[in-house]
Amino acid sequence: MTFLTTGHVYIAVSLDGFIAAPDGGLDWLMKQPTEGEDHGYDDFMDSVDGLVMGRATYEKVLTFGAWPYAKPVVVLSRSLAARDLREDLVGKVRIVGDSPKQVMDALSKEGWRRAYIDGGQLIQAFLRENLISDLVLTRIPILLGSGIPLFGRLDEAVDLKHVKTVDYPSGLVQSTYQVIRPASPESPLPSSG
């Protein structure tokens, strides 16, 4: 049986809407004292079948040292190929040059139900194609002033329904939003004349 794979976002963002510093740096994410706080990441990871990320996010994760994901990862890139994978990632990471819709269709055929969508440009592309079901945004109490934005150009407004907000002693504020799917256009009535 084929299921429709849904896209889910779990991401941290500065108070002024950036996911990374202008140079791609993430040091600002670790400035807050978050010991003892459960921000739900492990539960979120347990809820997904794997990750879909963009090339820039993939290349950033490679700088972390050991590969942090036990679940399968699909990297969307038109500039990378399977031959570019580190040897230890063969069988764990796939690189594909397909569109977001093509990737989700393929994952559906593989039985994926929920995919973690990661990376600013990729999240924007998936939103434009109406492939995101919900977003968990953790706002970090810092103003970067500039950097890589989470959101960018959209072809039309994306309606969201606020599900919940949790604030933590560290100052992190996490909000969950459900994406409201646009109504499908009604079929035109047949003309009577």
Protein backbone atom coordinates (compact mmCIF):
# COMPACT_ATOMS: atom_id res chain seq x y z
CA MET A 1 0.00 0.00 0.00
CA THR A 2 1.33 3.46 -0.90
CA PHE A 3 0.98 6.30 1.59
CA LEU A 4 1.24 10.00 1.01
CA THR A 5 4.48 11.09 2.65
CA THR A 6 4.08 14.29 4.66
CA GLY A 7 6.81 16.85 5.26
CA HIS A 8 7.61 18.12 8.76
CA VAL A 9 9.92 20.92 9.87
CA TYR A 10 11.80 21.11 13.19
CA ILE A 11 14.22 24.02 13.20
CA ALA A 12 15.78 26.72 15.36
CA VAL A 13 15.66 30.34 14.27
CA SER A 14 16.99 33.60 15.66
CA LEU A 15 14.45 36.11 16.89
CA ASP A 16 14.96 38.05 13.65
CA GLY A 17 14.31 34.99 11.47
CA PHE A 18 17.74 33.60 10.57
CA ILE A 19 18.79 29.94 10.70
CA ALA A 20 22.51 30.65 10.36
CA ALA A 21 24.98 33.52 10.47
CA PRO A 22 25.98 35.08 7.11
CA ASP A 23 28.95 32.66 6.90
CA GLY A 24 26.70 29.68 7.70
CA GLY A 25 27.91 29.59 11.31
CA LEU A 26 25.74 28.05 14.01
CA ASP A 27 27.73 28.94 17.15
CA TRP A 28 24.95 31.29 18.26
CA LEU A 29 22.66 28.26 18.75
CA MET A 30 24.73 27.02 21.69
CA LYS A 31 24.87 30.25 23.72
CA GLN A 32 21.79 29.52 25.82
CA PRO A 33 22.01 27.38 28.99
CA THR A 34 19.57 24.60 28.01
CA GLU A 35 20.73 21.81 30.34
CA GLY A 36 17.81 19.74 31.61
CA GLU A 37 15.37 21.08 29.00
CA ASP A 38 13.61 18.67 26.70
CA HIS A 39 12.81 20.50 23.50
CA GLY A 40 11.18 17.43 21.94
CA TYR A 41 13.86 16.67 19.35
CA ASP A 42 14.16 12.97 20.24
CA ASP A 43 10.38 12.50 20.11
CA PHE A 44 10.28 14.34 16.79
CA MET A 45 13.03 12.14 15.35
CA ASP A 46 11.16 9.04 16.55
CA SER A 47 8.11 10.25 14.60
CA VAL A 48 9.82 10.46 11.19
CA ASP A 49 11.00 7.80 8.77
CA GLY A 50 14.00 9.80 7.60
CA LEU A 51 15.33 13.18 6.58
CA VAL A 52 15.30 15.18 3.38
CA MET A 53 17.85 17.99 3.35
CA GLY A 54 19.42 20.41 0.94
CA ARG A 55 23.03 20.39 -0.20
CA ALA A 56 24.12 23.30 2.02
CA THR A 57 22.64 21.65 5.13
CA TYR A 58 24.26 18.33 4.22
CA GLU A 59 27.65 19.98 3.76
CA LYS A 60 27.27 21.76 7.13
CA VAL A 61 26.39 18.49 8.88
CA LEU A 62 29.56 16.94 7.41
CA THR A 63 31.60 19.47 9.41
CA PHE A 64 30.17 18.13 12.68
CA GLY A 65 32.45 15.06 12.57
CA ALA A 66 30.59 11.80 13.16
CA TRP A 67 27.38 11.42 11.14
CA PRO A 68 24.58 12.23 13.61
CA TYR A 69 21.63 10.41 11.98
CA ALA A 70 20.63 6.78 12.36
CA LYS A 71 17.70 7.23 9.97
CA PRO A 72 18.04 7.40 6.18
CA VAL A 73 18.88 10.77 4.65
CA VAL A 74 18.00 12.02 1.17
CA VAL A 75 20.00 15.01 -0.05
CA LEU A 76 18.46 17.11 -2.81
CA SER A 77 21.23 18.44 -5.01
CA ARG A 78 21.84 18.97 -8.68
CA SER A 79 25.57 19.56 -8.12
CA LEU A 80 26.44 16.49 -6.02
CA ALA A 81 26.33 12.84 -7.08
CA ALA A 82 26.51 9.49 -5.30
CA ARG A 83 30.25 9.35 -6.03
CA ASP A 84 30.65 12.44 -3.78
CA LEU A 85 29.52 10.54 -0.67
CA ARG A 86 32.01 9.78 2.05
CA GLU A 87 32.60 6.04 2.22
CA ASP A 88 31.00 5.79 5.68
CA LEU A 89 27.77 7.33 4.34
CA VAL A 90 27.15 4.86 1.52
CA GLY A 91 23.85 3.15 2.34
CA LYS A 92 22.90 5.90 4.80
CA VAL A 93 22.65 8.89 2.44
CA ARG A 94 21.18 9.19 -1.06
CA ILE A 95 21.79 12.14 -3.32
CA VAL A 96 19.03 12.91 -5.80
CA GLY A 97 18.45 15.72 -8.26
CA ASP A 98 14.66 15.45 -8.30
CA SER A 99 12.08 18.10 -7.45
CA PRO A 100 10.52 18.10 -3.97
CA LYS A 101 7.30 16.59 -5.39
CA GLN A 102 9.21 13.81 -7.18
CA VAL A 103 11.14 13.01 -4.01
CA MET A 104 8.00 12.82 -1.88
CA ASP A 105 6.29 10.61 -4.47
CA ALA A 106 9.30 8.26 -4.45
CA LEU A 107 9.41 8.19 -0.64
CA SER A 108 5.70 7.40 -0.56
CA LYS A 109 6.32 4.37 -2.78
CA GLU A 110 9.05 3.27 -0.34
CA GLY A 111 6.57 3.44 2.55
CA TRP A 112 7.77 6.62 4.22
CA ARG A 113 4.90 8.34 6.02
CA ARG A 114 6.70 11.30 7.61
CA ALA A 115 9.83 13.06 6.35
CA TYR A 116 11.88 15.60 8.30
CA ILE A 117 12.53 18.48 5.90
CA ASP A 118 15.70 20.41 6.81
CA GLY A 119 17.48 23.40 5.28
CA GLY A 120 16.25 26.92 4.62
CA GLN A 121 16.05 26.84 0.83
CA LEU A 122 14.62 23.34 0.85
CA ILE A 123 11.93 24.26 3.38
CA GLN A 124 11.01 27.23 1.19
CA ALA A 125 10.80 24.99 -1.90
CA PHE A 126 8.64 22.43 -0.08
CA LEU A 127 6.34 25.22 1.19
CA ARG A 128 5.96 26.56 -2.36
CA GLU A 129 4.91 23.07 -3.50
CA ASN A 130 2.51 22.62 -0.54
CA LEU A 131 4.49 19.66 0.83
CA ILE A 132 4.88 20.76 4.47
CA SER A 133 2.28 19.61 7.01
CA ASP A 134 3.61 21.33 10.10
CA LEU A 135 6.46 23.39 11.47
CA VAL A 136 8.09 23.33 14.90
CA LEU A 137 10.02 26.59 15.22
CA THR A 138 12.27 27.16 18.21
CA ARG A 139 13.10 30.82 18.57
CA ILE A 140 16.46 31.50 20.15
CA PRO A 141 16.64 34.80 22.07
CA ILE A 142 19.29 36.43 19.91
CA LEU A 143 19.26 39.01 17.12
CA LEU A 144 21.77 38.21 14.41
CA GLY A 145 21.05 41.25 12.25
CA SER A 146 21.81 39.32 9.07
CA GLY A 147 22.31 35.77 7.94
CA ILE A 148 20.57 32.97 6.13
CA PRO A 149 16.78 33.45 6.46
CA LEU A 150 14.41 30.62 7.20
CA PHE A 151 11.67 32.01 5.02
CA GLY A 152 11.93 33.67 1.64
CA ARG A 153 9.85 34.20 -1.45
CA LEU A 154 6.58 32.35 -1.67
CA ASP A 155 4.21 32.36 -4.61
CA GLU A 156 1.30 33.02 -2.27
CA ALA A 157 0.58 33.34 1.44
CA VAL A 158 0.75 30.14 3.48
CA ASP A 159 -1.93 29.98 6.16
CA LEU A 160 -0.89 28.45 9.46
CA LYS A 161 -2.83 27.30 12.49
CA HIS A 162 -1.10 27.78 15.82
CA VAL A 163 -1.10 24.46 17.70
CA LYS A 164 0.93 25.29 20.81
CA THR A 165 3.75 27.36 22.23
CA VAL A 166 6.10 26.31 25.02
CA ASP A 167 8.58 28.66 26.68
CA TYR A 168 11.66 27.32 28.45
CA PRO A 169 13.72 28.72 31.36
CA SER A 170 16.64 29.20 28.95
CA GLY A 171 14.58 31.75 27.00
CA LEU A 172 13.90 29.46 24.05
CA VAL A 173 10.32 29.67 22.80
CA GLN A 174 9.01 26.79 20.70
CA SER A 175 5.88 27.14 18.59
CA THR A 176 4.17 24.46 16.56
CA TYR A 177 2.09 25.39 13.52
CA GLN A 178 -0.06 23.27 11.24
CA VAL A 179 -0.05 24.27 7.58
CA ILE A 180 -3.58 24.90 6.37
CA ARG A 181 -3.90 23.28 2.97
CA PRO A 182 -5.57 25.42 0.34
CA ALA A 183 -8.94 24.17 -0.80
CA SER A 184 -8.73 22.39 -4.10
CA PRO A 185 -10.42 24.32 -6.87
CA GLU A 186 -13.88 23.06 -7.64
CA SER A 187 -14.43 21.53 -10.99
CA PRO A 188 -16.31 23.84 -13.32
CA LEU A 189 -19.93 22.94 -13.81
CA PRO A 190 -20.78 21.70 -17.26
CA SER A 191 -22.42 24.35 -19.37
CA SER A 192 -26.09 23.89 -20.08
CA GLY A 193 -26.14 25.45 -23.41
